[in-house]
Amino acid sequence: MALLFVCSLVVAIYLGRASNSVKDKEPVAVVAGKTVYEDDLLPFIQGQLRQLRNQEYELKSKALENLVNQKLLEAEADKKGIAIGQLVQQEVNAKVAEPTGAELLAVYQSQRDGLNRPFEEVKAQLQQTLKQAKLEAARREYLKRLREKARVSILLRPPRVEVAYDPTRLRGSAKAPVIIVEFSDFQCPFCRQVEPTLKNLLAKHEGRVSLAYRDFPLREIHPQAQLAAEASRCAAEQGQFWQYHDLLFANPEKLKKEDLLEHARSLKLDEKQFDSCLASAKYKARIEQDLEEGMKAGLDGTPSFFINGILLSGAQPEATFEGIIQAELAAPKDKRAAQ
């Protein structure tokens, strides 16, 4: 019976692939006697399709998280012979203390300017908000304990995109099990904001995590980003990409041409070579290539990261990066390569 199931599954997969192949060859238009096929559309919509696949994964991931939590609560409630609502009340709600006066006052002091009202007027509101926050934190902690006890294994995997990187702009070892490819913009405040997080991760996982930089200058809103990207490439010519990169992010108000030249001088780069490189715009085409490959991968903003091909958008907290990194480090090497 098991063998029949496996055979049926293989046939279904084969037929599914064959069906997709036939669909790709389905005509969608005829122009001047020449047929246009569905797979001819891919180069024009590849980026958008990847965005949709990422959105689909996010929806499935959130739904799975809710379903797993529900199953955990059901199993624990059945074990205790009580209803789920009673379980939550007994194991979570009843164990959460009411906010103390000191806690309420501390919250009020931290939000005083925004509230712009006397403490006594907002005390009841603050008490309700803080109590709710405590309940939610306790529920998360309880579910975490249930998950650990039940040994939950999540098999749903995010979509991956194969993204190349430039070895001359790699911070760390090319042999590291986790490579983060960053698409960034030297004038982007969010790119600057995430810099400490990236440095912390590299220091914490030295030898296991490396960072590659690729250009994605948003020229419409960051007019100085293009030239800064070109200047960083000129610094890379002299083996000082990362030093120059760090200077650019440390001095966001100094991105004019004279500033870029000053940065080069401060690093004691060959001034004549750097000036000639920057004036020639020799790296403009390569920056354009980074942009095009980023857009094909589904990017529309900065900073964007591919952690072993898994997309992460925006200046996310360190814990978000850490979650993906830990999962990748825990995955067997052959599975990382196959996914």
Protein backbone atom coordinates (compact mmCIF):
# COMPACT_ATOMS: atom_id res chain seq x y z
CA MET A 1 0.00 0.00 0.00
CA ALA A 2 2.86 2.35 0.94
CA LEU A 3 4.64 1.51 -2.32
CA LEU A 4 1.47 2.28 -4.27
CA PHE A 5 1.22 5.65 -2.50
CA VAL A 6 4.83 6.53 -3.32
CA CYS A 7 4.40 5.48 -6.95
CA SER A 8 1.22 7.56 -7.18
CA LEU A 9 3.01 10.53 -5.65
CA VAL A 10 5.89 10.25 -8.15
CA VAL A 11 3.43 10.04 -11.04
CA ALA A 12 1.54 13.07 -9.72
CA ILE A 13 4.75 15.09 -9.45
CA TYR A 14 5.80 14.04 -12.94
CA LEU A 15 2.41 14.91 -14.38
CA GLY A 16 2.43 18.23 -12.52
CA ARG A 17 5.82 19.12 -13.99
CA ALA A 18 4.74 17.99 -17.41
CA SER A 19 1.59 20.08 -17.06
CA ASN A 20 3.64 23.14 -16.10
CA SER A 21 5.95 22.53 -19.05
CA VAL A 22 3.00 22.30 -21.43
CA LYS A 23 1.49 25.42 -19.88
CA ASP A 24 4.73 27.33 -20.41
CA LYS A 25 4.50 26.42 -24.07
CA GLU A 26 0.90 27.54 -24.35
CA PRO A 27 0.48 30.35 -26.88
CA VAL A 28 -0.78 33.63 -25.47
CA ALA A 29 -0.57 35.80 -28.59
CA VAL A 30 0.31 35.82 -32.26
CA VAL A 31 2.20 38.85 -33.57
CA ALA A 32 2.89 39.22 -37.29
CA GLY A 33 2.52 35.47 -37.73
CA LYS A 34 4.87 34.65 -34.81
CA THR A 35 3.58 32.96 -31.69
CA VAL A 36 4.24 34.39 -28.23
CA TYR A 37 4.29 31.73 -25.50
CA GLU A 38 3.59 32.00 -21.79
CA ASP A 39 7.21 31.40 -20.83
CA ASP A 40 8.18 34.37 -23.02
CA LEU A 41 6.55 36.57 -20.38
CA LEU A 42 8.89 35.45 -17.58
CA PRO A 43 11.73 37.96 -18.18
CA PHE A 44 9.20 40.79 -17.82
CA ILE A 45 7.45 39.57 -14.65
CA GLN A 46 10.13 37.54 -12.87
CA GLY A 47 10.60 40.09 -10.09
CA GLN A 48 6.87 40.48 -9.44
CA LEU A 49 6.37 36.69 -9.39
CA ARG A 50 9.10 36.34 -6.78
CA GLN A 51 7.43 39.02 -4.68
CA LEU A 52 4.17 37.07 -4.92
CA ARG A 53 5.91 33.83 -3.89
CA ASN A 54 7.38 35.63 -0.88
CA GLN A 55 3.95 37.01 0.03
CA GLU A 56 2.46 33.53 -0.34
CA TYR A 57 5.10 32.13 2.01
CA GLU A 58 4.45 34.88 4.59
CA LEU A 59 0.72 34.13 4.52
CA LYS A 60 1.30 30.39 4.87
CA SER A 61 3.88 30.93 7.61
CA LYS A 62 1.51 33.08 9.70
CA ALA A 63 -1.34 30.64 9.16
CA LEU A 64 0.91 27.72 10.13
CA GLU A 65 2.06 29.53 13.28
CA ASN A 66 -1.56 30.06 14.35
CA LEU A 67 -2.49 26.46 13.52
CA VAL A 68 0.49 25.03 15.43
CA ASN A 69 -0.41 27.12 18.46
CA GLN A 70 -4.01 25.96 18.26
CA LYS A 71 -2.93 22.29 18.03
CA LEU A 72 -0.60 22.71 21.01
CA LEU A 73 -3.37 24.22 23.12
CA GLU A 74 -5.84 21.52 22.04
CA ALA A 75 -3.41 18.74 22.93
CA GLU A 76 -2.60 20.24 26.35
CA ALA A 77 -6.28 20.90 27.11
CA ASP A 78 -7.19 17.30 26.18
CA LYS A 79 -4.40 15.99 28.43
CA LYS A 80 -5.79 17.98 31.37
CA GLY A 81 -9.40 17.20 30.46
CA ILE A 82 -10.44 20.85 30.27
CA ALA A 83 -11.49 23.35 27.60
CA ILE A 84 -8.90 25.54 25.85
CA GLY A 85 -10.34 28.71 27.37
CA GLN A 86 -10.06 27.21 30.84
CA LEU A 87 -6.49 26.09 30.13
CA VAL A 88 -5.42 29.59 29.06
CA GLN A 89 -7.12 31.14 32.07
CA GLN A 90 -5.49 28.67 34.45
CA GLU A 91 -1.97 28.56 32.97
CA VAL A 92 -1.60 32.09 31.65
CA ASN A 93 -4.14 34.71 32.71
CA ALA A 94 -4.34 33.72 36.39
CA LYS A 95 -0.55 33.92 36.72
CA VAL A 96 -0.22 37.46 35.37
CA ALA A 97 -0.17 40.07 38.10
CA GLU A 98 -1.87 43.43 37.78
CA PRO A 99 0.54 46.25 36.84
CA THR A 100 1.98 47.97 39.90
CA GLY A 101 1.82 51.70 40.47
CA ALA A 102 5.57 51.93 39.86
CA GLU A 103 5.23 50.14 36.51
CA LEU A 104 2.41 52.41 35.43
CA LEU A 105 4.35 55.50 36.43
CA ALA A 106 7.43 54.27 34.53
CA VAL A 107 5.35 53.74 31.37
CA TYR A 108 3.75 57.15 31.81
CA GLN A 109 7.14 58.85 32.19
CA SER A 110 8.43 57.18 29.00
CA GLN A 111 5.35 58.31 27.02
CA ARG A 112 4.64 61.56 28.80
CA ASP A 113 5.28 63.89 25.84
CA GLY A 114 3.08 61.85 23.53
CA LEU A 115 0.25 61.50 26.03
CA ASN A 116 0.28 65.19 26.99
CA ARG A 117 -2.21 64.55 29.83
CA PRO A 118 -1.91 64.22 33.63
CA PHE A 119 -1.06 60.77 35.01
CA GLU A 120 -4.38 60.32 36.83
CA GLU A 121 -6.33 60.94 33.62
CA VAL A 122 -4.57 58.18 31.68
CA LYS A 123 -3.85 55.77 34.54
CA ALA A 124 -6.78 53.44 33.79
CA GLN A 125 -5.91 53.36 30.09
CA LEU A 126 -2.27 52.64 30.86
CA GLN A 127 -3.26 49.89 33.27
CA GLN A 128 -5.39 48.17 30.62
CA THR A 129 -2.68 48.49 27.94
CA LEU A 130 0.10 47.23 30.20
CA LYS A 131 -2.00 44.33 31.50
CA GLN A 132 -2.76 43.29 27.91
CA ALA A 133 0.94 43.45 27.02
CA LYS A 134 1.76 41.27 30.02
CA LEU A 135 -0.91 38.73 29.03
CA GLU A 136 0.38 38.54 25.47
CA ALA A 137 3.97 38.07 26.66
CA ALA A 138 2.89 35.34 29.10
CA ARG A 139 0.90 33.58 26.38
CA ARG A 140 3.91 33.63 24.03
CA GLU A 141 6.11 32.21 26.79
CA TYR A 142 3.58 29.48 27.57
CA LEU A 143 3.27 28.49 23.92
CA LYS A 144 7.07 28.45 23.66
CA ARG A 145 7.23 25.96 26.54
CA LEU A 146 4.52 23.80 24.96
CA ARG A 147 6.37 23.90 21.63
CA GLU A 148 9.65 22.81 23.23
CA LYS A 149 7.93 19.99 25.10
CA ALA A 150 6.13 18.79 21.96
CA ARG A 151 9.32 19.08 19.84
CA VAL A 152 7.58 20.94 17.04
CA SER A 153 9.42 20.82 13.72
CA ILE A 154 8.45 23.36 11.05
CA LEU A 155 8.94 21.90 7.57
CA LEU A 156 7.56 24.85 5.60
CA ARG A 157 10.52 26.53 3.91
CA PRO A 158 10.76 30.05 2.51
CA PRO A 159 11.40 30.46 -1.23
CA ARG A 160 15.03 30.92 -2.19
CA VAL A 161 16.59 32.99 -4.95
CA GLU A 162 20.05 32.23 -6.27
CA VAL A 163 21.89 35.56 -6.02
CA ALA A 164 25.52 36.00 -7.05
CA TYR A 165 27.97 38.27 -5.27
CA ASP A 166 31.24 40.05 -5.96
CA PRO A 167 34.16 38.34 -4.13
CA THR A 168 36.01 41.69 -3.92
CA ARG A 169 33.15 43.08 -1.81
CA LEU A 170 32.82 40.18 0.62
CA ARG A 171 33.34 40.68 4.35
CA GLY A 172 34.35 37.29 5.72
CA SER A 173 35.10 33.93 4.16
CA ALA A 174 33.57 32.69 0.90
CA LYS A 175 33.46 29.25 2.58
CA ALA A 176 31.17 30.40 5.40
CA PRO A 177 28.00 28.25 5.62
CA VAL A 178 25.85 31.41 5.62
CA ILE A 179 26.34 34.19 3.08
CA ILE A 180 24.27 37.36 3.42
CA VAL A 181 24.02 39.28 0.15
CA GLU A 182 22.99 42.87 0.86
CA PHE A 183 21.54 45.21 -1.76
CA SER A 184 22.09 48.69 -0.38
CA ASP A 185 22.25 52.42 -1.02
CA PHE A 186 24.86 54.71 0.60
CA GLN A 187 22.33 57.54 0.98
CA CYS A 188 19.60 55.36 2.50
CA PRO A 189 19.02 56.08 6.23
CA PHE A 190 17.62 52.59 6.82
CA CYS A 191 20.74 51.03 5.27
CA ARG A 192 22.82 53.09 7.69
CA GLN A 193 20.53 52.08 10.57
CA VAL A 194 21.09 48.35 10.00
CA GLU A 195 24.91 48.62 9.86
CA PRO A 196 25.49 47.98 13.61
CA THR A 197 23.24 44.93 13.40
CA LEU A 198 25.25 43.46 10.52
CA LYS A 199 28.55 44.10 12.30
CA ASN A 200 27.24 42.43 15.46
CA LEU A 201 26.14 39.38 13.50
CA LEU A 202 29.50 39.06 11.74
CA ALA A 203 31.37 39.36 15.03
CA LYS A 204 29.07 36.89 16.77
CA HIS A 205 29.30 34.31 13.97
CA GLU A 206 32.86 34.90 12.82
CA GLY A 207 33.84 32.29 10.23
CA ARG A 208 30.25 31.07 9.91
CA VAL A 209 28.52 34.15 8.46
CA SER A 210 29.85 36.44 5.73
CA LEU A 211 28.42 39.60 4.19
CA ALA A 212 28.52 40.56 0.51
CA TYR A 213 27.62 44.05 -0.69
CA ARG A 214 25.78 44.90 -3.92
CA ASP A 215 24.65 48.29 -5.17
CA PHE A 216 21.00 49.30 -5.35
CA PRO A 217 21.08 53.12 -5.49
CA LEU A 218 17.57 54.59 -5.42
CA ARG A 219 18.52 57.47 -7.68
CA GLU A 220 15.06 59.04 -7.85
CA ILE A 221 15.05 59.81 -4.13
CA HIS A 222 18.79 59.61 -3.32
CA PRO A 223 20.58 61.68 -5.99
CA GLN A 224 24.02 61.24 -4.37
CA ALA A 225 23.79 57.45 -4.08
CA GLN A 226 24.99 56.68 -7.61
CA LEU A 227 28.28 58.59 -7.36
CA ALA A 228 28.90 57.22 -3.87
CA ALA A 229 28.47 53.70 -5.24
CA GLU A 230 30.93 54.45 -8.05
CA ALA A 231 33.42 55.88 -5.52
CA SER A 232 33.18 52.73 -3.38
CA ARG A 233 34.07 50.66 -6.44
CA CYS A 234 37.06 52.89 -7.10
CA ALA A 235 38.18 52.28 -3.50
CA ALA A 236 37.74 48.54 -4.06
CA GLU A 237 40.23 48.81 -6.92
CA GLN A 238 42.82 49.68 -4.29
CA GLY A 239 41.70 46.98 -1.87
CA GLN A 240 39.83 49.25 0.52
CA PHE A 241 36.17 48.76 -0.30
CA TRP A 242 35.01 48.05 3.26
CA GLN A 243 37.02 50.87 4.78
CA TYR A 244 35.47 53.27 2.26
CA HIS A 245 32.03 51.70 2.75
CA ASP A 246 32.25 52.34 6.51
CA LEU A 247 33.31 55.96 5.95
CA LEU A 248 30.34 56.61 3.68
CA PHE A 249 27.85 55.29 6.20
CA ALA A 250 29.58 57.08 9.07
CA ASN A 251 29.35 60.42 7.24
CA PRO A 252 25.91 60.52 5.56
CA GLU A 253 26.10 64.28 5.06
CA LYS A 254 29.38 63.99 3.11
CA LEU A 255 28.46 62.40 -0.22
CA LYS A 256 29.28 65.20 -2.66
CA LYS A 257 32.13 64.65 -5.10
CA GLU A 258 34.61 66.71 -3.07
CA ASP A 259 33.64 64.68 0.03
CA LEU A 260 34.18 61.41 -1.83
CA LEU A 261 37.66 62.58 -2.83
CA GLU A 262 38.37 63.62 0.76
CA HIS A 263 37.39 60.16 2.01
CA ALA A 264 39.87 58.64 -0.44
CA ARG A 265 42.62 60.94 0.84
CA SER A 266 41.83 60.05 4.45
CA LEU A 267 42.38 56.37 3.58
CA LYS A 268 45.63 57.28 1.80
CA LEU A 269 44.43 55.86 -1.50
CA ASP A 270 46.32 56.73 -4.67
CA GLU A 271 44.63 60.07 -5.28
CA LYS A 272 45.36 60.26 -8.99
CA GLN A 273 44.07 56.74 -9.65
CA PHE A 274 40.95 57.29 -7.54
CA ASP A 275 40.16 60.66 -9.17
CA SER A 276 40.62 59.22 -12.66
CA CYS A 277 38.45 56.22 -11.81
CA LEU A 278 35.64 58.39 -10.44
CA ALA A 279 35.78 60.87 -13.34
CA SER A 280 35.59 58.07 -15.93
CA ALA A 281 32.36 56.54 -14.53
CA LYS A 282 33.93 53.18 -15.39
CA TYR A 283 31.74 51.27 -12.92
CA LYS A 284 28.41 52.76 -13.97
CA ALA A 285 27.50 49.69 -16.06
CA ARG A 286 28.32 47.28 -13.23
CA ILE A 287 26.16 49.23 -10.81
CA GLU A 288 23.38 49.08 -13.37
CA GLN A 289 23.88 45.30 -13.49
CA ASP A 290 23.48 45.08 -9.70
CA LEU A 291 20.28 47.10 -9.98
CA GLU A 292 18.86 44.92 -12.74
CA GLU A 293 19.69 41.68 -10.92
CA GLY A 294 18.14 43.06 -7.74
CA MET A 295 14.93 43.96 -9.55
CA LYS A 296 14.83 40.52 -11.22
CA ALA A 297 15.10 39.03 -7.74
CA GLY A 298 11.98 40.99 -6.74
CA LEU A 299 13.52 43.94 -4.91
CA ASP A 300 11.99 47.41 -4.88
CA GLY A 301 13.73 49.04 -1.92
CA THR A 302 16.71 49.10 0.40
CA PRO A 303 18.13 47.58 2.40
CA SER A 304 17.30 44.09 1.13
CA PHE A 305 19.11 40.91 2.06
CA PHE A 306 19.36 37.37 0.76
CA ILE A 307 20.48 35.05 3.55
CA ASN A 308 21.53 31.92 1.68
CA GLY A 309 18.95 32.99 -0.89
CA ILE A 310 16.16 33.74 1.63
CA LEU A 311 14.83 37.27 1.21
CA LEU A 312 14.68 39.62 4.17
CA SER A 313 13.57 43.20 3.49
CA GLY A 314 14.24 46.32 5.51
CA ALA A 315 16.28 47.28 8.58
CA GLN A 316 15.04 44.34 10.63
CA PRO A 317 15.94 43.69 14.29
CA GLU A 318 18.95 41.49 14.97
CA ALA A 319 16.66 38.72 16.25
CA THR A 320 15.00 38.44 12.82
CA PHE A 321 18.36 37.91 11.12
CA GLU A 322 19.39 35.56 13.91
CA GLY A 323 16.34 33.34 13.41
CA ILE A 324 17.18 32.70 9.75
CA ILE A 325 20.91 32.34 10.43
CA GLN A 326 20.35 29.77 13.19
CA ALA A 327 18.02 27.76 10.96
CA GLU A 328 20.60 27.80 8.17
CA LEU A 329 23.45 26.81 10.48
CA ALA A 330 21.35 23.94 11.85
CA ALA A 331 20.40 22.66 8.38
CA PRO A 332 22.62 19.90 6.91
CA LYS A 333 24.96 21.22 4.22
CA ASP A 334 23.41 19.10 1.47
CA LYS A 335 19.93 20.37 2.32
CA ARG A 336 21.06 24.01 2.25
CA ALA A 337 22.52 23.43 -1.20
CA ALA A 338 19.44 21.60 -2.48
CA GLN A 339 16.82 24.09 -1.28
